Amino acid sequence: MTIELIETRASDLHKLQIGANRICDCPPNHLNCMTPKEWMKSQIGVWQFNYERRDVRDRKIHPATFPISLARKVIELFTHKGELVLDPFVGSGTTLVAAGDCERNAVGFDLKDEYITSSNNRLSKLLPPEKVQQLAICDDARNIPHYLEENSVSLIFTSPPYANLLNRKRLNKSRRGDERKNGQYLKVEQYSQDVRDLGTLSLESYASEMAGIFAGLLPIMRTRAHCVINVPDMWWEDKRITIHMALVDSLRQVGYELRNIIIWDRTNIVNRIGIFGWPRNYITMGTTFEYLLDFWKPSTV
């Protein structure tokens, strides 16, 4: 496994030397290396996962993380060993860790040096497989097409910023009792205030920027390569902000085809949930479930 911190300027952009081809013996028409039994378990449209010791759960390290087991399931479902996985918003590096576990090549991008450092720290603790690489690159997702060859990426898996919905003081309404005024209370947990950060944008501007970024990624994806985006909806001033619908519209507009919507049921990992809306206003809490939006690059693109 190669672990690398790459800091770039526009004048330095270069194609990466990273593997993208299968190293398994599966038939050419197979989607993945799964057994029929494993495939059947993945057909259920509601998924649950558990955290493990290697997972990042400290919001001081990153404000929005997901379990390694989630990334591993998506990677195993949509790729073969040796193929290339891309995370355009790699954060703390969970996608890269999962790819290493699965013997897939992977590259992740993020604007923040701190997140790339965190990714590399996690990767350094993996047992190094001989035939695959995981790279963490400090750069804007808008520049990704400069790094990767056309038709090389077999899967995009990411959890992007949630527009500007984290860019406000946290009131912890999903917490109960004394847990509400914990270390996160009244803190702004936004990734950064960099003007390039999608987490500083209104939902409308965010949707437009995401459309542009993912339009740029289409040429580097293989035909029928999948793109899975993990995202919740959120509540703002007593209104549901439908981030998942904005993303579906944005990616469809630039050529992606929506294949599946999977629910990530988080109830088994959420403790002491606060009471929302009672007694006058029914609200389903985004803390208990998120969406996995599964697109692919159709053969007509």
Protein backbone atom coordinates (compact mmCIF):
# COMPACT_ATOMS: atom_id res chain seq x y z
CA MET A 1 0.00 0.00 0.00
CA THR A 2 1.32 3.44 -0.91
CA ILE A 3 0.36 6.32 1.40
CA GLU A 4 0.93 9.76 -0.03
CA LEU A 5 0.15 13.37 0.86
CA ILE A 6 0.01 15.45 -2.30
CA GLU A 7 -0.39 19.21 -2.14
CA THR A 8 -1.01 20.83 -5.50
CA ARG A 9 -1.27 24.06 -7.40
CA ALA A 10 -3.07 24.38 -10.72
CA SER A 11 0.26 24.40 -12.58
CA ASP A 12 1.33 21.13 -10.93
CA LEU A 13 -1.64 18.93 -11.83
CA HIS A 14 -0.59 15.56 -13.25
CA LYS A 15 -2.01 12.13 -14.02
CA LEU A 16 -1.66 9.73 -11.13
CA GLN A 17 0.06 6.39 -11.53
CA ILE A 18 -2.47 4.16 -9.81
CA GLY A 19 -3.97 0.80 -10.72
CA ALA A 20 -7.50 0.52 -12.08
CA ASN A 21 -7.79 -3.03 -13.43
CA ARG A 22 -9.11 -6.22 -11.87
CA ILE A 23 -6.74 -8.55 -10.10
CA CYS A 24 -9.40 -11.20 -9.47
CA ASP A 25 -10.49 -14.19 -11.57
CA CYS A 26 -14.17 -13.26 -11.85
CA PRO A 27 -15.96 -13.65 -15.20
CA PRO A 28 -15.90 -10.44 -17.30
CA ASN A 29 -19.64 -9.81 -17.00
CA HIS A 30 -19.76 -9.99 -13.19
CA LEU A 31 -20.41 -6.76 -11.30
CA ASN A 32 -18.33 -7.74 -8.26
CA CYS A 33 -16.53 -10.58 -6.49
CA MET A 34 -19.50 -11.44 -4.24
CA THR A 35 -20.95 -14.89 -3.75
CA PRO A 36 -24.68 -15.37 -4.45
CA LYS A 37 -25.36 -15.40 -0.69
CA GLU A 38 -23.53 -12.11 -0.17
CA TRP A 39 -25.38 -10.60 -3.15
CA MET A 40 -28.76 -11.57 -1.69
CA LYS A 41 -27.99 -9.81 1.59
CA SER A 42 -27.25 -6.62 -0.35
CA GLN A 43 -30.61 -6.57 -2.14
CA ILE A 44 -32.49 -5.45 0.96
CA GLY A 45 -33.15 -1.73 0.55
CA VAL A 46 -32.56 -0.81 4.21
CA TRP A 47 -29.02 -1.27 5.54
CA GLN A 48 -27.62 -1.15 9.08
CA PHE A 49 -23.99 -0.95 10.12
CA ASN A 50 -21.94 -0.99 13.31
CA TYR A 51 -18.90 1.02 14.26
CA GLU A 52 -15.58 -0.63 15.03
CA ARG A 53 -12.50 0.48 16.94
CA ARG A 54 -10.86 1.98 13.84
CA ASP A 55 -13.82 4.24 13.07
CA VAL A 56 -13.58 8.00 13.62
CA ARG A 57 -16.41 9.22 15.84
CA ASP A 58 -14.81 12.31 17.37
CA ARG A 59 -16.45 15.38 15.81
CA LYS A 60 -13.35 17.40 16.63
CA ILE A 61 -11.58 15.33 13.99
CA HIS A 62 -14.44 15.50 11.47
CA PRO A 63 -18.05 16.67 11.91
CA ALA A 64 -19.72 14.08 9.64
CA THR A 65 -18.32 10.55 9.55
CA PHE A 66 -19.66 7.15 8.51
CA PRO A 67 -18.61 3.61 9.45
CA ILE A 68 -15.90 1.70 7.62
CA SER A 69 -18.41 -1.13 7.26
CA LEU A 70 -20.71 1.10 5.16
CA ALA A 71 -17.94 2.05 2.73
CA ARG A 72 -16.72 -1.54 2.60
CA LYS A 73 -20.18 -2.84 1.64
CA VAL A 74 -20.59 -0.29 -1.16
CA ILE A 75 -17.08 -0.97 -2.47
CA GLU A 76 -17.56 -4.75 -2.43
CA LEU A 77 -20.95 -4.44 -4.13
CA PHE A 78 -19.87 -2.27 -7.06
CA THR A 79 -16.22 -3.17 -7.76
CA HIS A 80 -13.76 -6.02 -8.20
CA LYS A 81 -10.43 -6.42 -6.45
CA GLY A 82 -7.86 -4.14 -8.06
CA GLU A 83 -10.33 -1.66 -9.52
CA LEU A 84 -10.24 2.06 -8.77
CA VAL A 85 -12.46 3.81 -6.21
CA LEU A 86 -12.72 7.61 -6.00
CA ASP A 87 -13.91 9.73 -3.06
CA PRO A 88 -14.10 13.42 -4.12
CA PHE A 89 -14.71 14.59 -0.51
CA VAL A 90 -12.58 12.13 1.44
CA GLY A 91 -12.72 13.81 4.86
CA SER A 92 -11.13 11.59 7.50
CA GLY A 93 -10.31 8.87 4.95
CA THR A 94 -12.88 6.18 5.73
CA THR A 95 -13.37 5.29 2.04
CA LEU A 96 -9.62 4.78 1.64
CA VAL A 97 -9.42 2.56 4.73
CA ALA A 98 -12.31 0.42 3.46
CA ALA A 99 -10.75 0.18 0.00
CA GLY A 100 -7.52 -1.07 1.56
CA ASP A 101 -9.46 -3.71 3.48
CA CYS A 102 -11.08 -4.83 0.20
CA GLU A 103 -7.89 -4.83 -1.91
CA ARG A 104 -9.09 -1.99 -4.13
CA ASN A 105 -7.09 0.95 -5.38
CA ALA A 106 -8.49 4.25 -4.15
CA VAL A 107 -7.84 7.96 -4.30
CA GLY A 108 -9.48 10.62 -2.15
CA PHE A 109 -9.46 14.42 -2.38
CA ASP A 110 -10.09 17.11 0.20
CA LEU A 111 -9.46 20.85 0.57
CA LYS A 112 -8.22 20.63 4.16
CA ASP A 113 -4.67 19.60 4.99
CA GLU A 114 -5.88 18.37 8.39
CA TYR A 115 -8.20 15.82 6.80
CA ILE A 116 -5.48 14.55 4.47
CA THR A 117 -3.17 14.16 7.46
CA SER A 118 -5.91 12.27 9.31
CA SER A 119 -6.43 10.02 6.29
CA ASN A 120 -2.75 9.23 6.08
CA ASN A 121 -2.52 8.49 9.78
CA ARG A 122 -5.30 5.95 9.42
CA LEU A 123 -3.83 4.41 6.29
CA SER A 124 -0.45 3.96 7.98
CA LYS A 125 -2.07 1.48 10.37
CA LEU A 126 -3.36 -0.82 7.63
CA LEU A 127 -1.62 -4.05 6.73
CA PRO A 128 0.00 -3.15 3.40
CA PRO A 129 -1.40 -5.21 0.51
CA GLU A 130 1.09 -5.76 -2.28
CA LYS A 131 -0.98 -4.96 -5.36
CA VAL A 132 -3.08 -1.89 -4.55
CA GLN A 133 -2.62 1.74 -3.50
CA GLN A 134 -4.58 4.30 -1.51
CA LEU A 135 -3.74 7.96 -2.07
CA ALA A 136 -4.94 11.03 -0.17
CA ILE A 137 -4.63 14.27 -2.15
CA CYS A 138 -5.05 17.82 -0.91
CA ASP A 139 -6.92 19.59 -3.68
CA ASP A 140 -10.29 20.88 -4.85
CA ALA A 141 -12.74 18.28 -6.20
CA ARG A 142 -13.13 20.51 -9.24
CA ASN A 143 -9.57 19.58 -10.28
CA ILE A 144 -9.99 15.79 -10.08
CA PRO A 145 -10.31 15.20 -13.87
CA HIS A 146 -6.73 16.46 -14.27
CA TYR A 147 -5.44 13.58 -12.11
CA LEU A 148 -7.18 10.51 -13.51
CA GLU A 149 -7.38 8.87 -16.92
CA GLU A 150 -10.67 8.69 -18.79
CA ASN A 151 -12.69 5.50 -18.23
CA SER A 152 -10.55 4.46 -15.24
CA VAL A 153 -12.84 4.85 -12.19
CA SER A 154 -15.10 1.90 -11.33
CA LEU A 155 -16.84 3.51 -8.33
CA ILE A 156 -17.34 6.93 -6.82
CA PHE A 157 -18.34 6.72 -3.18
CA THR A 158 -18.57 9.82 -1.03
CA SER A 159 -20.38 11.75 1.67
CA PRO A 160 -20.25 15.37 0.49
CA PRO A 161 -20.79 18.59 2.45
CA TYR A 162 -24.43 19.37 3.23
CA ALA A 163 -24.56 22.86 1.67
CA ASN A 164 -24.42 25.48 4.46
CA LEU A 165 -26.58 23.47 6.87
CA LEU A 166 -23.71 22.73 9.26
CA ASN A 167 -22.55 26.34 9.13
CA ARG A 168 -24.53 27.41 12.20
CA LYS A 169 -24.37 26.98 15.96
CA ARG A 170 -25.32 23.46 17.00
CA LEU A 171 -28.38 23.30 19.30
CA ASN A 172 -28.28 19.50 19.78
CA LYS A 173 -32.05 19.09 19.44
CA SER A 174 -31.52 15.41 18.66
CA ARG A 175 -30.00 14.90 22.14
CA ARG A 176 -31.94 14.17 25.28
CA GLY A 177 -31.72 15.78 28.71
CA ASP A 178 -28.27 16.63 30.02
CA GLU A 179 -26.63 15.35 26.83
CA ARG A 180 -27.97 18.34 24.91
CA LYS A 181 -25.42 20.74 26.44
CA ASN A 182 -22.38 18.61 25.64
CA GLY A 183 -19.09 19.70 24.09
CA GLN A 184 -20.78 20.33 20.74
CA TYR A 185 -23.47 22.66 22.09
CA LEU A 186 -23.47 26.10 20.38
CA LYS A 187 -20.38 25.12 18.34
CA VAL A 188 -20.18 25.61 14.55
CA GLU A 189 -19.06 22.28 13.11
CA GLN A 190 -18.61 23.34 9.51
CA TYR A 191 -15.63 21.79 7.68
CA SER A 192 -14.03 25.15 6.87
CA GLN A 193 -14.78 28.72 5.81
CA ASP A 194 -12.76 28.38 2.60
CA VAL A 195 -14.65 30.13 -0.21
CA ARG A 196 -14.24 26.96 -2.30
CA ASP A 197 -15.91 24.83 0.38
CA LEU A 198 -19.35 23.61 -0.72
CA GLY A 199 -20.40 23.75 2.92
CA THR A 200 -20.53 27.54 2.79
CA LEU A 201 -23.11 27.67 -0.03
CA SER A 202 -26.87 28.00 -0.09
CA LEU A 203 -28.70 24.87 -1.23
CA GLU A 204 -29.30 26.35 -4.70
CA SER A 205 -25.65 27.30 -5.22
CA TYR A 206 -24.55 23.99 -3.73
CA ALA A 207 -26.71 22.01 -6.17
CA SER A 208 -25.29 23.95 -9.09
CA GLU A 209 -21.68 23.41 -7.97
CA MET A 210 -22.29 19.70 -7.37
CA ALA A 211 -23.71 19.38 -10.88
CA GLY A 212 -20.54 20.95 -12.28
CA ILE A 213 -18.21 18.78 -10.22
CA PHE A 214 -19.95 15.52 -11.10
CA ALA A 215 -20.25 16.49 -14.76
CA GLY A 216 -16.46 16.75 -14.74
CA LEU A 217 -16.17 13.28 -13.21
CA LEU A 218 -18.29 11.50 -15.83
CA PRO A 219 -15.48 11.16 -18.43
CA ILE A 220 -13.14 9.44 -15.93
CA MET A 221 -15.81 6.88 -14.99
CA ARG A 222 -16.18 3.60 -16.82
CA THR A 223 -19.47 2.91 -18.58
CA ARG A 224 -21.99 1.67 -16.00
CA ALA A 225 -19.63 2.54 -13.16
CA HIS A 226 -21.63 3.38 -10.06
CA CYS A 227 -21.62 6.62 -8.08
CA VAL A 228 -23.00 6.30 -4.54
CA ILE A 229 -23.60 9.44 -2.49
CA ASN A 230 -24.35 9.27 1.25
CA VAL A 231 -26.42 12.25 2.37
CA PRO A 232 -29.17 13.11 4.90
CA ASP A 233 -31.98 15.63 4.72
CA MET A 234 -31.93 18.27 7.44
CA TRP A 235 -34.29 20.65 9.21
CA TRP A 236 -33.84 24.41 9.08
CA GLU A 237 -36.26 26.87 10.70
CA ASP A 238 -39.00 24.22 10.88
CA LYS A 239 -38.64 23.24 7.21
CA ARG A 240 -37.29 20.01 5.74
CA ILE A 241 -34.29 20.76 3.50
CA THR A 242 -34.30 17.97 0.90
CA ILE A 243 -30.61 17.69 0.10
CA HIS A 244 -31.09 14.24 -1.41
CA MET A 245 -33.64 15.54 -3.92
CA ALA A 246 -31.38 18.42 -4.89
CA LEU A 247 -28.56 15.97 -5.58
CA VAL A 248 -30.78 13.62 -7.60
CA ASP A 249 -31.85 16.55 -9.80
CA SER A 250 -28.30 17.86 -10.16
CA LEU A 251 -26.73 14.58 -11.22
CA ARG A 252 -29.57 13.67 -13.57
CA GLN A 253 -29.18 17.02 -15.30
CA VAL A 254 -25.55 16.28 -16.19
CA GLY A 255 -26.04 12.71 -17.41
CA TYR A 256 -26.14 10.32 -14.44
CA GLU A 257 -28.92 7.75 -14.14
CA LEU A 258 -30.43 7.11 -10.72
CA ARG A 259 -30.55 3.35 -10.14
CA ASN A 260 -31.43 2.86 -6.47
CA ILE A 261 -32.14 4.73 -3.25
CA ILE A 262 -31.03 2.78 -0.18
CA ILE A 263 -31.87 3.81 3.36
CA TRP A 264 -29.03 3.71 5.87
CA ASP A 265 -30.92 2.95 9.07
CA ARG A 266 -28.86 4.42 11.91
CA THR A 267 -31.18 3.61 14.81
CA ASN A 268 -28.85 0.91 16.15
CA ILE A 269 -25.99 3.44 16.58
CA VAL A 270 -27.94 6.46 17.87
CA ASN A 271 -28.33 6.71 21.65
CA ARG A 272 -30.82 8.66 23.78
CA ILE A 273 -32.71 10.39 20.98
CA GLY A 274 -34.31 13.73 21.82
CA ILE A 275 -38.04 14.33 21.31
CA PHE A 276 -38.71 16.32 18.14
CA GLY A 277 -41.94 18.22 17.58
CA TRP A 278 -43.99 16.77 20.45
CA PRO A 279 -46.82 17.40 21.05
CA ARG A 280 -47.82 19.49 18.01
CA ASN A 281 -45.48 18.78 15.10
CA TYR A 282 -44.43 15.38 13.71
CA ILE A 283 -40.83 15.30 12.46
CA THR A 284 -38.76 12.35 11.25
CA MET A 285 -35.24 12.88 12.48
CA GLY A 286 -32.30 12.86 10.10
CA THR A 287 -30.15 11.51 12.91
CA THR A 288 -31.82 8.10 12.58
CA PHE A 289 -31.48 7.53 8.83
CA GLU A 290 -29.62 8.75 5.76
CA TYR A 291 -29.86 8.15 2.03
CA LEU A 292 -27.48 6.21 -0.18
CA LEU A 293 -28.16 7.54 -3.68
CA ASP A 294 -26.93 5.02 -6.24
CA PHE A 295 -26.33 6.41 -9.75
CA TRP A 296 -24.40 5.03 -12.68
CA LYS A 297 -22.87 6.33 -15.90
CA PRO A 298 -25.22 5.04 -18.62
CA SER A 299 -23.86 3.61 -21.84
CA THR A 300 -25.41 6.50 -23.79
CA VAL A 301 -23.13 9.10 -22.20
